[in-house]
Amino acid sequence: MSKSLIHILKRSLNALGRKFSDLEPKFDKCVQQLLSIDKIDEQLNNLGCIIKTYKDKYYTLKRKDHRDAAELAMLKDLEDEITKFSIDYINIEDEKIKHDHALRHANNLKHRIQSFEYPLESLTPKMLLSIVNQLVKVDEQYYVLVINATGDIITPYKIKKAMTEKPLLEGDCKMHRSKTFNWKIYIL
């Protein structure tokens, strides 16, 4: 790594570490938006209510002593609907498990950021890779640090999309009194 790159990484990570207590709510909000946690919980609640309603109707009909042909047909339809919605519910639960894993990854990342002593005197590759997933050189004096908070695979498309949004943190640093390097930290 070049000296300027190490200098940029140190400055950006030191700024992140110093300001992380202020940035933590913003970090949490970004992670929540990336994972769409509220939407999944809402879908699970809605499907749970639908399944409960259909089960109540089903068991009410099932308890009847005498059922005519229409009620038997309705029992069959209710069984089919309960099965269909239960499968949907299980699929969404599986998705929620993936999101819970990603949320644990984000929490571990927060703990790693907070565990280092700032200012960083030396920057080891292990320390760098535990926080920053990718470093993108946009031009000679503009760098983007990508933090993978969800644990998903990062593609160039995701990086471009993230760069259109507001960064978690941005700043600049000078090197040799003449060059100014700008950097931004994005969460994916």
N, C-alpha and C. Protein backbone atom coordinates (compact mmCIF):
# COMPACT_ATOMS: atom_id res chain seq x y z
N MET A 1 0.84 -1.18 0.00
CA MET A 1 0.00 0.00 0.00
C MET A 1 0.88 1.24 0.00
N SER A 2 0.40 2.23 -0.68
CA SER A 2 1.15 3.48 -0.73
C SER A 2 0.98 4.25 0.57
N LYS A 3 1.91 5.18 0.81
CA LYS A 3 1.85 5.97 2.03
C LYS A 3 0.60 6.83 2.07
N SER A 4 0.22 7.37 0.92
CA SER A 4 -0.97 8.23 0.90
C SER A 4 -2.23 7.42 1.21
N LEU A 5 -2.29 6.20 0.71
CA LEU A 5 -3.44 5.34 0.96
C LEU A 5 -3.53 4.97 2.45
N ILE A 6 -2.41 4.63 3.04
CA ILE A 6 -2.39 4.32 4.47
C ILE A 6 -2.79 5.55 5.28
N HIS A 7 -2.31 6.71 4.87
CA HIS A 7 -2.65 7.96 5.55
C HIS A 7 -4.16 8.21 5.49
N ILE A 8 -4.75 8.01 4.31
CA ILE A 8 -6.20 8.21 4.14
C ILE A 8 -6.98 7.22 5.00
N LEU A 9 -6.56 5.97 5.00
CA LEU A 9 -7.25 4.95 5.79
C LEU A 9 -7.17 5.26 7.28
N LYS A 10 -5.99 5.66 7.75
CA LYS A 10 -5.85 6.01 9.16
C LYS A 10 -6.74 7.17 9.54
N ARG A 11 -6.70 8.22 8.72
CA ARG A 11 -7.49 9.40 9.03
C ARG A 11 -8.98 9.09 9.03
N SER A 12 -9.43 8.35 8.02
CA SER A 12 -10.86 8.05 7.93
C SER A 12 -11.31 7.14 9.07
N LEU A 13 -10.52 6.12 9.40
CA LEU A 13 -10.89 5.22 10.49
C LEU A 13 -10.80 5.90 11.85
N ASN A 14 -9.83 6.79 12.02
CA ASN A 14 -9.76 7.56 13.27
C ASN A 14 -10.99 8.46 13.41
N ALA A 15 -11.39 9.10 12.32
CA ALA A 15 -12.58 9.95 12.37
C ALA A 15 -13.82 9.11 12.67
N LEU A 16 -13.91 7.94 12.05
CA LEU A 16 -15.05 7.05 12.30
C LEU A 16 -15.08 6.62 13.77
N GLY A 17 -13.94 6.24 14.30
CA GLY A 17 -13.88 5.80 15.69
C GLY A 17 -14.21 6.90 16.67
N ARG A 18 -13.69 8.11 16.42
CA ARG A 18 -13.94 9.23 17.33
C ARG A 18 -15.40 9.65 17.31
N LYS A 19 -16.02 9.61 16.14
CA LYS A 19 -17.39 10.12 15.99
C LYS A 19 -18.44 9.02 16.02
N PHE A 20 -18.03 7.77 16.27
CA PHE A 20 -18.98 6.67 16.13
C PHE A 20 -20.12 6.74 17.14
N SER A 21 -19.87 7.25 18.31
CA SER A 21 -20.98 7.35 19.28
C SER A 21 -22.07 8.28 18.76
N ASP A 22 -21.69 9.32 18.02
CA ASP A 22 -22.68 10.20 17.40
C ASP A 22 -23.28 9.58 16.14
N LEU A 23 -22.48 8.76 15.45
CA LEU A 23 -22.92 8.16 14.19
C LEU A 23 -23.70 6.86 14.38
N GLU A 24 -23.68 6.30 15.57
CA GLU A 24 -24.31 5.00 15.81
C GLU A 24 -25.80 4.97 15.45
N PRO A 25 -26.60 5.99 15.81
CA PRO A 25 -28.00 5.97 15.37
C PRO A 25 -28.15 5.99 13.85
N LYS A 26 -27.30 6.74 13.19
CA LYS A 26 -27.32 6.79 11.73
C LYS A 26 -26.92 5.44 11.14
N PHE A 27 -25.93 4.80 11.75
CA PHE A 27 -25.49 3.47 11.34
C PHE A 27 -26.64 2.47 11.48
N ASP A 28 -27.31 2.50 12.64
CA ASP A 28 -28.44 1.59 12.89
C ASP A 28 -29.57 1.83 11.89
N LYS A 29 -29.84 3.09 11.59
CA LYS A 29 -30.90 3.41 10.64
C LYS A 29 -30.56 2.90 9.25
N CYS A 30 -29.30 3.05 8.83
CA CYS A 30 -28.88 2.54 7.53
C CYS A 30 -29.02 1.02 7.46
N VAL A 31 -28.61 0.34 8.52
CA VAL A 31 -28.72 -1.12 8.56
C VAL A 31 -30.18 -1.54 8.50
N GLN A 32 -31.03 -0.84 9.24
CA GLN A 32 -32.45 -1.19 9.26
C GLN A 32 -33.07 -0.97 7.88
N GLN A 33 -32.66 0.09 7.17
CA GLN A 33 -33.17 0.33 5.82
C GLN A 33 -32.67 -0.74 4.87
N LEU A 34 -31.40 -1.11 4.99
CA LEU A 34 -30.85 -2.13 4.11
C LEU A 34 -31.53 -3.48 4.30
N LEU A 35 -31.89 -3.79 5.52
CA LEU A 35 -32.47 -5.10 5.81
C LEU A 35 -33.99 -5.12 5.73
N SER A 36 -34.65 -3.98 5.71
CA SER A 36 -36.12 -3.90 5.66
C SER A 36 -36.75 -4.73 6.78
N ILE A 37 -36.24 -4.58 7.98
CA ILE A 37 -36.69 -5.39 9.12
C ILE A 37 -38.16 -5.13 9.44
N ASP A 38 -38.56 -3.87 9.42
CA ASP A 38 -39.94 -3.54 9.78
C ASP A 38 -40.94 -4.17 8.81
N LYS A 39 -40.59 -4.21 7.53
CA LYS A 39 -41.50 -4.78 6.53
C LYS A 39 -41.69 -6.28 6.76
N ILE A 40 -40.62 -6.97 7.10
CA ILE A 40 -40.72 -8.41 7.33
C ILE A 40 -41.57 -8.70 8.56
N ASP A 41 -41.36 -7.94 9.63
CA ASP A 41 -42.18 -8.14 10.83
C ASP A 41 -43.65 -7.87 10.54
N GLU A 42 -43.92 -6.84 9.76
CA GLU A 42 -45.30 -6.51 9.41
C GLU A 42 -45.93 -7.63 8.57
N GLN A 43 -45.16 -8.16 7.61
CA GLN A 43 -45.68 -9.27 6.79
C GLN A 43 -45.97 -10.49 7.65
N LEU A 44 -45.07 -10.80 8.58
CA LEU A 44 -45.30 -11.95 9.46
C LEU A 44 -46.54 -11.75 10.32
N ASN A 45 -46.72 -10.56 10.86
CA ASN A 45 -47.91 -10.29 11.68
C ASN A 45 -49.19 -10.41 10.85
N ASN A 46 -49.18 -9.85 9.64
CA ASN A 46 -50.37 -9.93 8.78
C ASN A 46 -50.70 -11.37 8.42
N LEU A 47 -49.69 -12.13 8.01
CA LEU A 47 -49.94 -13.53 7.66
C LEU A 47 -50.38 -14.34 8.88
N GLY A 48 -49.81 -14.05 10.03
CA GLY A 48 -50.22 -14.74 11.26
C GLY A 48 -51.68 -14.50 11.58
N CYS A 49 -52.14 -13.26 11.41
CA CYS A 49 -53.56 -12.93 11.65
C CYS A 49 -54.47 -13.64 10.65
N ILE A 50 -54.05 -13.66 9.38
CA ILE A 50 -54.85 -14.33 8.35
C ILE A 50 -54.96 -15.82 8.65
N ILE A 51 -53.85 -16.44 8.98
CA ILE A 51 -53.85 -17.88 9.28
C ILE A 51 -54.72 -18.17 10.50
N LYS A 52 -54.62 -17.34 11.53
CA LYS A 52 -55.44 -17.54 12.74
C LYS A 52 -56.92 -17.43 12.42
N THR A 53 -57.29 -16.45 11.60
CA THR A 53 -58.70 -16.28 11.22
C THR A 53 -59.21 -17.50 10.47
N TYR A 54 -58.42 -17.97 9.49
CA TYR A 54 -58.84 -19.15 8.73
C TYR A 54 -58.91 -20.39 9.61
N LYS A 55 -57.97 -20.54 10.53
CA LYS A 55 -58.01 -21.70 11.44
C LYS A 55 -59.23 -21.65 12.35
N ASP A 56 -59.55 -20.46 12.84
CA ASP A 56 -60.75 -20.33 13.68
C ASP A 56 -62.00 -20.75 12.91
N LYS A 57 -62.12 -20.28 11.67
CA LYS A 57 -63.28 -20.66 10.84
C LYS A 57 -63.27 -22.17 10.59
N TYR A 58 -62.09 -22.71 10.30
CA TYR A 58 -61.96 -24.13 10.00
C TYR A 58 -62.40 -24.97 11.20
N TYR A 59 -61.89 -24.66 12.38
CA TYR A 59 -62.23 -25.46 13.56
C TYR A 59 -63.67 -25.26 13.99
N THR A 60 -64.24 -24.10 13.73
CA THR A 60 -65.66 -23.89 14.02
C THR A 60 -66.50 -24.83 13.16
N LEU A 61 -66.17 -24.91 11.86
CA LEU A 61 -66.90 -25.83 10.97
C LEU A 61 -66.60 -27.29 11.31
N LYS A 62 -65.39 -27.58 11.68
CA LYS A 62 -64.99 -28.96 11.97
C LYS A 62 -65.72 -29.50 13.21
N ARG A 63 -66.03 -28.63 14.17
CA ARG A 63 -66.70 -29.05 15.41
C ARG A 63 -68.19 -29.33 15.20
N LYS A 64 -68.74 -28.84 14.13
CA LYS A 64 -70.17 -29.07 13.87
C LYS A 64 -70.43 -30.56 13.70
N ASP A 65 -71.56 -31.00 14.22
CA ASP A 65 -71.91 -32.42 14.10
C ASP A 65 -72.38 -32.77 12.70
N HIS A 66 -73.20 -31.91 12.12
CA HIS A 66 -73.76 -32.18 10.80
C HIS A 66 -73.29 -31.09 9.84
N ARG A 67 -72.66 -31.52 8.75
CA ARG A 67 -72.18 -30.57 7.75
C ARG A 67 -72.81 -30.93 6.41
N ASP A 68 -73.24 -29.89 5.70
CA ASP A 68 -73.78 -30.14 4.36
C ASP A 68 -72.64 -30.03 3.35
N ALA A 69 -72.97 -30.18 2.07
CA ALA A 69 -71.96 -30.19 1.00
C ALA A 69 -71.22 -28.86 0.91
N ALA A 70 -71.91 -27.74 1.11
CA ALA A 70 -71.28 -26.42 1.04
C ALA A 70 -70.25 -26.26 2.16
N GLU A 71 -70.60 -26.75 3.34
CA GLU A 71 -69.66 -26.64 4.47
C GLU A 71 -68.45 -27.55 4.28
N LEU A 72 -68.66 -28.73 3.68
CA LEU A 72 -67.53 -29.62 3.39
C LEU A 72 -66.60 -28.99 2.35
N ALA A 73 -67.19 -28.34 1.34
CA ALA A 73 -66.38 -27.65 0.33
C ALA A 73 -65.62 -26.49 0.96
N MET A 74 -66.28 -25.80 1.88
CA MET A 74 -65.62 -24.68 2.56
C MET A 74 -64.47 -25.19 3.44
N LEU A 75 -64.65 -26.33 4.09
CA LEU A 75 -63.56 -26.92 4.88
C LEU A 75 -62.34 -27.20 4.00
N LYS A 76 -62.59 -27.77 2.82
CA LYS A 76 -61.50 -28.07 1.89
C LYS A 76 -60.80 -26.78 1.45
N ASP A 77 -61.59 -25.74 1.12
CA ASP A 77 -61.01 -24.46 0.71
C ASP A 77 -60.20 -23.83 1.85
N LEU A 78 -60.72 -23.92 3.07
CA LEU A 78 -60.00 -23.37 4.21
C LEU A 78 -58.68 -24.12 4.45
N GLU A 79 -58.70 -25.45 4.29
CA GLU A 79 -57.47 -26.23 4.42
C GLU A 79 -56.43 -25.76 3.41
N ASP A 80 -56.89 -25.57 2.16
CA ASP A 80 -55.97 -25.12 1.10
C ASP A 80 -55.40 -23.73 1.41
N GLU A 81 -56.26 -22.82 1.87
CA GLU A 81 -55.81 -21.46 2.19
C GLU A 81 -54.84 -21.47 3.37
N ILE A 82 -55.16 -22.26 4.39
CA ILE A 82 -54.27 -22.34 5.56
C ILE A 82 -52.91 -22.88 5.14
N THR A 83 -52.90 -23.90 4.29
CA THR A 83 -51.64 -24.47 3.81
C THR A 83 -50.86 -23.45 3.00
N LYS A 84 -51.54 -22.75 2.09
CA LYS A 84 -50.87 -21.76 1.24
C LYS A 84 -50.26 -20.64 2.08
N PHE A 85 -51.03 -20.08 2.99
CA PHE A 85 -50.52 -18.98 3.81
C PHE A 85 -49.45 -19.45 4.80
N SER A 86 -49.56 -20.70 5.25
CA SER A 86 -48.53 -21.24 6.15
C SER A 86 -47.20 -21.38 5.43
N ILE A 87 -47.24 -21.80 4.18
CA ILE A 87 -46.01 -21.90 3.38
C ILE A 87 -45.40 -20.51 3.19
N ASP A 88 -46.24 -19.53 2.87
CA ASP A 88 -45.75 -18.15 2.73
C ASP A 88 -45.13 -17.66 4.03
N TYR A 89 -45.78 -17.98 5.14
CA TYR A 89 -45.29 -17.57 6.46
C TYR A 89 -43.91 -18.18 6.74
N ILE A 90 -43.76 -19.45 6.42
CA ILE A 90 -42.47 -20.14 6.63
C ILE A 90 -41.38 -19.53 5.76
N ASN A 91 -41.71 -19.20 4.50
CA ASN A 91 -40.73 -18.58 3.61
C ASN A 91 -40.28 -17.22 4.15
N ILE A 92 -41.22 -16.45 4.66
CA ILE A 92 -40.86 -15.14 5.21
C ILE A 92 -40.06 -15.32 6.50
N GLU A 93 -40.39 -16.33 7.30
CA GLU A 93 -39.60 -16.62 8.50
C GLU A 93 -38.16 -16.97 8.14
N ASP A 94 -37.99 -17.74 7.06
CA ASP A 94 -36.63 -18.07 6.59
C ASP A 94 -35.87 -16.81 6.20
N GLU A 95 -36.57 -15.90 5.54
CA GLU A 95 -35.96 -14.62 5.16
C GLU A 95 -35.59 -13.82 6.41
N LYS A 96 -36.44 -13.89 7.41
CA LYS A 96 -36.16 -13.17 8.67
C LYS A 96 -34.94 -13.75 9.37
N ILE A 97 -34.74 -15.05 9.27
CA ILE A 97 -33.56 -15.67 9.86
C ILE A 97 -32.30 -15.13 9.19
N LYS A 98 -32.33 -14.98 7.86
CA LYS A 98 -31.19 -14.40 7.15
C LYS A 98 -30.96 -12.96 7.62
N HIS A 99 -32.05 -12.23 7.80
CA HIS A 99 -31.93 -10.85 8.25
C HIS A 99 -31.38 -10.78 9.68
N ASP A 100 -31.78 -11.72 10.51
CA ASP A 100 -31.26 -11.75 11.88
C ASP A 100 -29.75 -12.02 11.88
N HIS A 101 -29.32 -12.89 10.96
CA HIS A 101 -27.88 -13.16 10.83
C HIS A 101 -27.15 -11.89 10.39
N ALA A 102 -27.73 -11.18 9.43
CA ALA A 102 -27.12 -9.93 8.96
C ALA A 102 -27.11 -8.88 10.07
N LEU A 103 -28.14 -8.87 10.88
CA LEU A 103 -28.20 -7.92 12.00
C LEU A 103 -27.12 -8.24 13.04
N ARG A 104 -26.89 -9.52 13.29
CA ARG A 104 -25.80 -9.91 14.20
C ARG A 104 -24.45 -9.47 13.63
N HIS A 105 -24.30 -9.61 12.30
CA HIS A 105 -23.07 -9.17 11.64
C HIS A 105 -22.86 -7.67 11.84
N ALA A 106 -23.93 -6.89 11.69
CA ALA A 106 -23.84 -5.44 11.88
C ALA A 106 -23.50 -5.09 13.33
N ASN A 107 -24.08 -5.80 14.28
CA ASN A 107 -23.77 -5.55 15.70
C ASN A 107 -22.32 -5.90 16.02
N ASN A 108 -21.83 -7.00 15.44
CA ASN A 108 -20.42 -7.36 15.63
C ASN A 108 -19.50 -6.28 15.05
N LEU A 109 -19.89 -5.75 13.91
CA LEU A 109 -19.11 -4.68 13.28
C LEU A 109 -19.06 -3.45 14.18
N LYS A 110 -20.20 -3.10 14.77
CA LYS A 110 -20.23 -1.96 15.69
C LYS A 110 -19.29 -2.18 16.87
N HIS A 111 -19.30 -3.38 17.41
CA HIS A 111 -18.42 -3.69 18.55
C HIS A 111 -16.95 -3.63 18.15
N ARG A 112 -16.63 -4.08 16.93
CA ARG A 112 -15.24 -4.00 16.47
C ARG A 112 -14.79 -2.55 16.33
N ILE A 113 -15.66 -1.72 15.76
CA ILE A 113 -15.32 -0.30 15.60
C ILE A 113 -15.08 0.33 16.96
N GLN A 114 -15.92 0.01 17.92
CA GLN A 114 -15.80 0.59 19.25
C GLN A 114 -14.65 0.00 20.07
N SER A 115 -14.19 -1.19 19.70
CA SER A 115 -13.17 -1.86 20.50
C SER A 115 -11.76 -1.33 20.28
N PHE A 116 -11.51 -0.70 19.14
CA PHE A 116 -10.17 -0.18 18.88
C PHE A 116 -9.92 1.09 19.67
N GLU A 117 -8.67 1.31 20.02
CA GLU A 117 -8.30 2.53 20.72
C GLU A 117 -7.89 3.57 19.70
N TYR A 118 -8.55 4.70 19.76
CA TYR A 118 -8.29 5.77 18.81
C TYR A 118 -7.52 6.88 19.50
N PRO A 119 -6.63 7.56 18.85
CA PRO A 119 -6.27 7.44 17.44
C PRO A 119 -5.42 6.19 17.17
N LEU A 120 -5.63 5.63 16.00
CA LEU A 120 -4.89 4.44 15.61
C LEU A 120 -3.45 4.85 15.28
N GLU A 121 -2.52 4.21 15.93
CA GLU A 121 -1.11 4.50 15.66
C GLU A 121 -0.62 3.69 14.47
N SER A 122 -0.98 2.43 14.45
CA SER A 122 -0.60 1.57 13.33
C SER A 122 -1.85 0.91 12.79
N LEU A 123 -1.79 0.58 11.53
CA LEU A 123 -2.95 0.00 10.86
C LEU A 123 -2.55 -1.36 10.32
N THR A 124 -3.04 -2.42 10.94
CA THR A 124 -2.71 -3.76 10.48
C THR A 124 -3.75 -4.21 9.46
N PRO A 125 -3.37 -5.10 8.56
CA PRO A 125 -4.35 -5.60 7.58
C PRO A 125 -5.56 -6.25 8.25
N LYS A 126 -5.33 -6.97 9.35
CA LYS A 126 -6.44 -7.62 10.05
C LYS A 126 -7.42 -6.58 10.60
N MET A 127 -6.88 -5.50 11.16
CA MET A 127 -7.70 -4.43 11.70
C MET A 127 -8.50 -3.76 10.58
N LEU A 128 -7.83 -3.51 9.48
CA LEU A 128 -8.47 -2.86 8.34
C LEU A 128 -9.59 -3.72 7.78
N LEU A 129 -9.31 -5.00 7.57
CA LEU A 129 -10.31 -5.89 6.98
C LEU A 129 -11.47 -6.19 7.93
N SER A 130 -11.26 -5.99 9.22
CA SER A 130 -12.36 -6.23 10.16
C SER A 130 -13.41 -5.12 10.09
N ILE A 131 -13.04 -3.97 9.53
CA ILE A 131 -13.99 -2.86 9.44
C ILE A 131 -14.35 -2.55 7.99
N VAL A 132 -13.33 -2.30 7.17
CA VAL A 132 -13.56 -1.87 5.79
C VAL A 132 -13.57 -3.08 4.87
N ASN A 133 -14.62 -3.18 4.06
CA ASN A 133 -14.71 -4.30 3.14
C ASN A 133 -14.00 -4.00 1.83
N GLN A 134 -14.22 -2.80 1.31
CA GLN A 134 -13.58 -2.41 0.05
C GLN A 134 -13.18 -0.95 0.10
N LEU A 135 -12.15 -0.65 -0.66
CA LEU A 135 -11.70 0.72 -0.84
C LEU A 135 -11.74 1.00 -2.33
N VAL A 136 -12.47 2.03 -2.70
CA VAL A 136 -12.63 2.37 -4.11
C VAL A 136 -11.93 3.70 -4.36
N LYS A 137 -11.05 3.71 -5.34
CA LYS A 137 -10.38 4.94 -5.74
C LYS A 137 -11.17 5.53 -6.89
N VAL A 138 -11.91 6.60 -6.61
CA VAL A 138 -12.75 7.22 -7.63
C VAL A 138 -11.88 8.03 -8.58
N ASP A 139 -10.99 8.84 -8.04
CA ASP A 139 -9.97 9.53 -8.84
C ASP A 139 -8.74 9.74 -7.97
N GLU A 140 -7.78 10.51 -8.44
CA GLU A 140 -6.52 10.68 -7.72
C GLU A 140 -6.69 11.22 -6.30
N GLN A 141 -7.73 12.02 -6.09
CA GLN A 141 -7.87 12.65 -4.78
C GLN A 141 -9.21 12.37 -4.12
N TYR A 142 -9.88 11.30 -4.52
CA TYR A 142 -11.19 10.98 -3.96
C TYR A 142 -11.29 9.47 -3.76
N TYR A 143 -11.49 9.06 -2.50
CA TYR A 143 -11.56 7.65 -2.14
C TYR A 143 -12.88 7.36 -1.41
N VAL A 144 -13.36 6.15 -1.62
CA VAL A 144 -14.59 5.69 -0.96
C VAL A 144 -14.27 4.41 -0.19
N LEU A 145 -14.61 4.42 1.08
CA LEU A 145 -14.46 3.23 1.92
C LEU A 145 -15.83 2.59 2.07
N VAL A 146 -15.92 1.30 1.83
CA VAL A 146 -17.19 0.59 1.90
C VAL A 146 -17.16 -0.34 3.11
N ILE A 147 -18.14 -0.16 3.97
CA ILE A 147 -18.31 -1.03 5.14
C ILE A 147 -19.48 -1.96 4.86
N ASN A 148 -19.22 -3.25 4.91
CA ASN A 148 -20.25 -4.24 4.65
C ASN A 148 -20.94 -4.58 5.96
N ALA A 149 -22.03 -3.90 6.24
CA ALA A 149 -22.73 -4.08 7.52
C ALA A 149 -23.68 -5.27 7.50
N THR A 150 -24.09 -5.71 6.32
CA THR A 150 -25.08 -6.79 6.25
C THR A 150 -24.47 -8.16 6.01
N GLY A 151 -23.22 -8.21 5.59
CA GLY A 151 -22.60 -9.49 5.31
C GLY A 151 -22.92 -10.03 3.94
N ASP A 152 -23.67 -9.28 3.13
CA ASP A 152 -23.99 -9.71 1.77
C ASP A 152 -22.80 -9.52 0.84
N ILE A 153 -22.90 -10.10 -0.33
CA ILE A 153 -21.87 -9.92 -1.35
C ILE A 153 -22.01 -8.51 -1.92
N ILE A 154 -20.89 -7.82 -2.02
CA ILE A 154 -20.90 -6.45 -2.54
C ILE A 154 -20.52 -6.48 -4.01
N THR A 155 -21.38 -5.91 -4.82
CA THR A 155 -21.14 -5.82 -6.25
C THR A 155 -20.85 -4.38 -6.63
N PRO A 156 -20.23 -4.16 -7.79
CA PRO A 156 -20.00 -2.77 -8.23
C PRO A 156 -21.31 -1.98 -8.35
N TYR A 157 -22.38 -2.66 -8.74
CA TYR A 157 -23.68 -1.98 -8.84
C TYR A 157 -24.13 -1.47 -7.48
N LYS A 158 -23.97 -2.28 -6.44
CA LYS A 158 -24.37 -1.87 -5.09
C LYS A 158 -23.54 -0.68 -4.61
N ILE A 159 -22.25 -0.69 -4.97
CA ILE A 159 -21.39 0.43 -4.58
C ILE A 159 -21.84 1.71 -5.28
N LYS A 160 -22.12 1.61 -6.59
CA LYS A 160 -22.58 2.79 -7.33
C LYS A 160 -23.90 3.31 -6.76
N LYS A 161 -24.79 2.40 -6.43
CA LYS A 161 -26.08 2.80 -5.87
C LYS A 161 -25.88 3.47 -4.51
N ALA A 162 -25.00 2.93 -3.69
CA ALA A 162 -24.75 3.51 -2.37
C ALA A 162 -24.11 4.89 -2.49
N MET A 163 -23.30 5.10 -3.51
CA MET A 163 -22.62 6.38 -3.68
C MET A 163 -23.59 7.50 -4.07
N THR A 164 -24.80 7.15 -4.49
CA THR A 164 -25.79 8.18 -4.80
C THR A 164 -26.49 8.67 -3.53
N GLU A 165 -26.34 7.92 -2.44
CA GLU A 165 -26.97 8.30 -1.18
C GLU A 165 -25.97 9.06 -0.30
N LYS A 166 -26.45 9.52 0.82
CA LYS A 166 -25.61 10.27 1.74
C LYS A 166 -24.66 9.31 2.47
N PRO A 167 -23.37 9.65 2.57
CA PRO A 167 -22.43 8.77 3.25
C PRO A 167 -22.61 8.80 4.76
N LEU A 168 -22.09 7.77 5.41
CA LEU A 168 -22.10 7.73 6.87
C LEU A 168 -21.19 8.83 7.42
N LEU A 169 -20.05 9.01 6.77
CA LEU A 169 -19.08 10.00 7.22
C LEU A 169 -18.23 10.41 6.03
N GLU A 170 -17.85 11.66 6.00
CA GLU A 170 -16.96 12.13 4.93
C GLU A 170 -15.98 13.14 5.50
N GLY A 171 -14.88 13.28 4.82
CA GLY A 171 -13.88 14.22 5.28
C GLY A 171 -12.75 14.34 4.28
N ASP A 172 -11.72 15.04 4.69
CA ASP A 172 -10.55 15.17 3.84
C ASP A 172 -9.31 15.15 4.72
N CYS A 173 -8.19 14.90 4.09
CA CYS A 173 -6.93 14.92 4.81
C CYS A 173 -5.85 15.43 3.88
N LYS A 174 -4.87 16.09 4.45
CA LYS A 174 -3.79 16.65 3.66
C LYS A 174 -2.56 15.77 3.78
N MET A 175 -1.84 15.75 2.69
CA MET A 175 -0.60 14.98 2.65
C MET A 175 0.46 15.89 2.04
N HIS A 176 1.52 16.08 2.70
CA HIS A 176 2.63 16.91 2.22
C HIS A 176 2.22 18.35 1.95
N ARG A 177 1.25 18.85 2.65
CA ARG A 177 0.80 20.23 2.60
C ARG A 177 0.27 20.69 1.24
N SER A 178 0.38 19.88 0.24
CA SER A 178 -0.10 20.33 -1.07
C SER A 178 -1.30 19.53 -1.55
N LYS A 179 -1.29 18.24 -1.32
CA LYS A 179 -2.38 17.40 -1.80
C LYS A 179 -3.44 17.25 -0.73
N THR A 180 -4.68 17.41 -1.15
CA THR A 180 -5.81 17.15 -0.27
C THR A 180 -6.57 15.96 -0.83
N PHE A 181 -6.79 14.96 0.01
CA PHE A 181 -7.53 13.78 -0.39
C PHE A 181 -8.90 13.81 0.29
N ASN A 182 -9.93 13.60 -0.47
CA ASN A 182 -11.29 13.51 0.07
C ASN A 182 -11.66 12.04 0.22
N TRP A 183 -12.38 11.73 1.27
CA TRP A 183 -12.82 10.36 1.48
C TRP A 183 -14.25 10.37 2.01
N LYS A 184 -14.95 9.28 1.71
CA LYS A 184 -16.31 9.09 2.21
C LYS A 184 -16.44 7.64 2.64
N ILE A 185 -17.25 7.42 3.67
CA ILE A 185 -17.51 6.06 4.16
C ILE A 185 -18.98 5.76 3.93
N TYR A 186 -19.23 4.67 3.20
CA TYR A 186 -20.60 4.23 2.90
C TYR A 186 -20.85 2.88 3.55
N ILE A 187 -22.11 2.65 3.88
CA ILE A 187 -22.52 1.37 4.47
C ILE A 187 -23.34 0.60 3.44
N LEU A 188 -23.00 -0.65 3.26
CA LEU A 188 -23.79 -1.55 2.39
C LEU A 188 -24.20 -2.76 3.18
